[in-house]
Protein backbone atom coordinates (compact mmCIF):
# COMPACT_ATOMS: atom_id res chain seq x y z
CA MET A 1 40.15 -43.48 -25.77
CA MET A 2 37.25 -44.64 -27.95
CA LYS A 3 34.84 -44.18 -25.04
CA GLN A 4 36.06 -40.59 -24.46
CA MET A 5 35.61 -39.76 -28.16
CA PHE A 6 32.10 -41.23 -28.08
CA VAL A 7 31.17 -39.16 -25.00
CA ALA A 8 32.68 -36.02 -26.58
CA ALA A 9 30.67 -36.63 -29.77
CA ILE A 10 27.43 -37.00 -27.80
CA VAL A 11 28.14 -33.81 -25.82
CA ALA A 12 28.91 -31.91 -29.04
CA PHE A 13 25.73 -33.25 -30.67
CA TYR A 14 23.53 -32.09 -27.78
CA ALA A 15 25.30 -28.73 -27.56
CA MET A 16 24.76 -28.18 -31.28
CA HIS A 17 21.06 -29.02 -31.05
CA ALA A 18 20.57 -26.97 -27.90
CA SER A 19 21.99 -23.88 -29.61
CA ALA A 20 19.96 -24.61 -32.73
CA ALA A 21 16.79 -24.51 -30.63
CA GLY A 22 17.47 -20.90 -29.72
CA GLN A 23 18.40 -18.94 -26.65
CA THR A 24 15.93 -18.29 -23.84
CA TYR A 25 15.68 -14.85 -22.24
CA VAL A 26 13.85 -14.39 -18.94
CA ILE A 27 11.74 -11.24 -18.79
CA ASP A 28 13.14 -8.62 -16.44
CA PRO A 29 10.09 -7.27 -14.56
CA THR A 30 11.97 -4.13 -13.51
CA HIS A 31 12.57 -3.14 -17.14
CA THR A 32 9.36 -4.40 -18.78
CA PHE A 33 6.19 -2.32 -18.83
CA PRO A 34 3.31 -3.01 -21.21
CA ASN A 35 1.53 0.31 -21.49
CA PHE A 36 -1.51 1.45 -23.40
CA GLU A 37 -3.54 4.44 -24.47
CA PHE A 38 -7.15 4.89 -25.46
CA SER A 39 -9.54 7.72 -26.14
CA HIS A 40 -11.75 8.94 -23.31
CA PHE A 41 -14.91 9.75 -25.27
CA GLY A 42 -12.76 11.52 -27.84
CA ILE A 43 -12.05 14.40 -25.46
CA SER A 44 -8.73 13.24 -24.00
CA MET A 45 -6.32 10.31 -24.08
CA TRP A 46 -6.02 7.96 -21.09
CA ARG A 47 -2.67 6.26 -20.59
CA GLY A 48 -1.70 3.50 -18.21
CA LYS A 49 0.68 0.59 -17.70
CA PHE A 50 0.99 -2.75 -15.98
CA ASP A 51 3.70 -2.95 -13.33
CA ALA A 52 3.98 -6.78 -13.04
CA THR A 53 5.09 -8.82 -16.04
CA SER A 54 6.84 -12.20 -16.28
CA GLY A 55 7.69 -14.77 -18.91
CA THR A 56 10.24 -15.82 -21.49
CA ILE A 57 11.31 -15.02 -25.02
CA VAL A 58 13.17 -17.54 -27.15
CA ILE A 59 15.25 -16.25 -30.05
CA ASP A 60 16.61 -18.67 -32.65
CA ARG A 61 18.84 -16.49 -34.82
CA ALA A 62 19.93 -19.36 -37.07
CA ALA A 63 16.35 -20.32 -37.95
CA LYS A 64 15.23 -16.65 -37.81
CA THR A 65 12.30 -17.37 -35.54
CA GLY A 66 11.44 -17.58 -31.89
CA SER A 67 8.61 -17.55 -29.39
CA VAL A 68 7.13 -15.29 -26.77
CA ASP A 69 5.30 -16.43 -23.61
CA ILE A 70 4.28 -13.53 -21.38
CA ARG A 71 2.07 -13.20 -18.29
CA VAL A 72 0.77 -9.84 -17.09
CA ASP A 73 -0.88 -9.28 -13.72
CA PRO A 74 -3.90 -7.05 -14.48
CA ALA A 75 -4.14 -6.09 -10.78
CA SER A 76 -0.85 -4.22 -11.28
CA ILE A 77 -2.57 -1.67 -13.53
CA ASN A 78 -1.31 1.84 -12.96
CA PHE A 79 -2.91 4.99 -14.37
CA GLY A 80 -1.17 7.20 -11.82
CA LEU A 81 -4.59 7.79 -10.26
CA ASP A 82 -5.65 5.49 -7.39
CA ALA A 83 -9.40 5.85 -8.07
CA MET A 84 -8.96 4.86 -11.72
CA ASP A 85 -6.67 1.95 -10.78
CA GLU A 86 -9.33 0.59 -8.43
CA LYS A 87 -12.06 1.01 -11.05
CA ALA A 88 -9.90 -0.77 -13.65
CA ARG A 89 -9.49 -3.76 -11.26
CA SER A 90 -13.28 -4.03 -10.79
CA GLU A 91 -15.63 -6.31 -12.70
CA ASP A 92 -16.47 -3.36 -14.98
CA PHE A 93 -12.98 -3.49 -16.50
CA PHE A 94 -10.36 -6.21 -15.88
CA ASN A 95 -12.31 -8.12 -13.21
CA VAL A 96 -9.06 -9.20 -11.55
CA ALA A 97 -10.85 -11.21 -8.85
CA LYS A 98 -12.18 -13.60 -11.51
CA TYR A 99 -9.38 -13.23 -14.11
CA PRO A 100 -6.03 -12.76 -12.30
CA ASP A 101 -3.93 -13.33 -15.42
CA ALA A 102 -3.59 -11.85 -18.87
CA THR A 103 -1.31 -13.72 -21.29
CA TYR A 104 0.30 -13.29 -24.66
CA LYS A 105 1.85 -16.14 -26.62
CA GLY A 106 3.28 -15.75 -30.07
CA THR A 107 5.81 -16.59 -32.75
CA LEU A 108 8.65 -14.23 -33.54
CA LYS A 109 9.13 -13.43 -37.24
CA PHE A 110 12.30 -11.96 -38.72
CA ASP A 111 12.88 -9.58 -41.62
CA GLY A 112 16.36 -10.61 -42.71
CA ASP A 113 18.45 -10.79 -39.54
CA VAL A 114 16.17 -8.54 -37.50
CA PRO A 115 13.08 -9.50 -35.45
CA ALA A 116 10.18 -7.65 -37.08
CA THR A 117 6.81 -8.94 -35.82
CA ILE A 118 5.19 -11.29 -33.38
CA ASP A 119 2.08 -13.17 -34.49
CA GLY A 120 0.30 -14.26 -31.36
CA GLU A 121 -2.77 -14.53 -29.21
CA ILE A 122 -3.71 -12.41 -26.22
CA THR A 123 -6.03 -13.66 -23.49
CA LEU A 124 -7.96 -11.11 -21.42
CA LEU A 125 -11.00 -11.83 -19.25
CA GLY A 126 -10.82 -15.47 -20.34
CA VAL A 127 -11.21 -14.55 -24.04
CA THR A 128 -8.44 -15.27 -26.54
CA ARG A 129 -7.98 -13.25 -29.73
CA PRO A 130 -5.19 -12.84 -32.29
CA LEU A 131 -2.81 -9.93 -31.83
CA ARG A 132 0.09 -8.99 -34.08
CA LEU A 133 2.83 -6.87 -32.55
CA THR A 134 5.21 -4.84 -34.69
CA ILE A 135 8.74 -4.59 -33.32
CA ASN A 136 9.88 -0.99 -33.73
CA SER A 137 13.38 -1.63 -32.41
CA SER A 138 15.41 -4.41 -30.79
CA LYS A 139 18.95 -4.87 -29.59
CA CYS A 140 21.03 -7.43 -27.69
CA ILE A 141 24.24 -6.63 -25.78
CA GLU A 142 26.37 -8.13 -23.08
CA HIS A 143 25.05 -6.70 -19.82
CA PRO A 144 27.81 -4.52 -18.30
CA PHE A 145 27.21 -5.82 -14.76
CA TYR A 146 25.99 -9.40 -15.14
CA LYS A 147 28.16 -10.37 -18.14
CA LYS A 148 25.25 -12.19 -19.78
CA GLU A 149 23.45 -11.27 -22.95
CA VAL A 150 20.46 -9.01 -22.43
CA CYS A 151 17.98 -8.19 -25.18
CA GLY A 152 15.45 -5.41 -25.33
CA ALA A 153 12.73 -4.36 -27.70
CA ASP A 154 9.99 -1.84 -28.27
CA ALA A 155 6.82 -3.28 -29.79
CA GLN A 156 3.38 -1.96 -30.67
CA GLY A 157 -0.07 -3.37 -31.45
CA GLU A 158 -3.77 -2.50 -31.41
CA LEU A 159 -6.85 -4.15 -29.95
CA ASN A 160 -10.34 -3.34 -28.71
CA TRP A 161 -11.13 -4.24 -25.08
CA SER A 162 -14.85 -4.53 -25.82
CA GLN A 163 -14.08 -7.62 -27.93
CA PHE A 164 -12.98 -9.35 -24.72
CA GLY A 165 -16.26 -8.60 -22.96
CA MET A 166 -14.99 -5.70 -20.86
CA LYS A 167 -18.20 -4.10 -19.57
CA MET A 168 -17.16 -0.44 -19.47
CA SER A 169 -15.65 -0.66 -22.96
CA SER A 170 -18.81 -1.88 -24.68
CA PHE A 171 -19.49 1.67 -25.91
CA GLY A 172 -16.18 1.71 -27.73
CA GLU A 173 -16.73 -0.40 -30.84
CA GLY A 174 -14.72 0.34 -33.96
CA GLU A 175 -12.26 3.24 -34.04
CA ALA A 176 -13.66 4.74 -30.83
CA GLY A 177 -12.72 1.63 -28.85
CA LYS A 178 -9.21 1.24 -30.18
CA VAL A 179 -6.51 0.60 -27.61
CA VAL A 180 -2.90 1.12 -28.67
CA LEU A 181 -0.36 -1.04 -26.85
CA HIS A 182 3.26 0.05 -26.44
CA ILE A 183 5.50 -2.59 -24.93
CA GLN A 184 9.00 -2.03 -23.68
CA VAL A 185 10.64 -5.30 -22.74
CA GLU A 186 14.03 -6.52 -21.59
CA GLY A 187 15.13 -10.08 -20.96
CA MET A 188 18.29 -11.64 -19.57
CA GLN A 189 19.84 -14.75 -21.07
CA GLY A 190 18.89 -17.78 -18.99
CA ASP A 191 21.42 -20.23 -17.58
């Protein structure tokens, strides 16, 4: 009897600490699309997205924090125009042959009980720079089909591709080179 109580206490201890560390959500690549917009010489607005995203988000509601670890495949860029997609994959833009990954890692910050920002670092073309994302909305529900918790969010941030050494963006310093990121993301609770 004493042995069973000891085992039960150890199991309870580990369960308590596992839940205190937060819950991990695996990015759903079919519902996650980082997209962006930037001025084309001030005469029009170019918009595109990346079709291949993976990673995890950890949410610790008790501690009101969490983490984000995301990988984007720059070769999956999609402007809806094949010629522009090919140009964006070239060494003039994302140079996907040399830099096949773009990453974002950050710390989730809460405002009260609600995730509000992510303070992180983005790596493009082998260059890492800070990037803060503002969370415009977020929600978690039990998925109606899978019966697991699924969380989604809409986040936004700004950067300048020329600061990462992107050749064709070198003309766009300052306001002219601003790129606005819009990120829709969904993640399913891991097992």
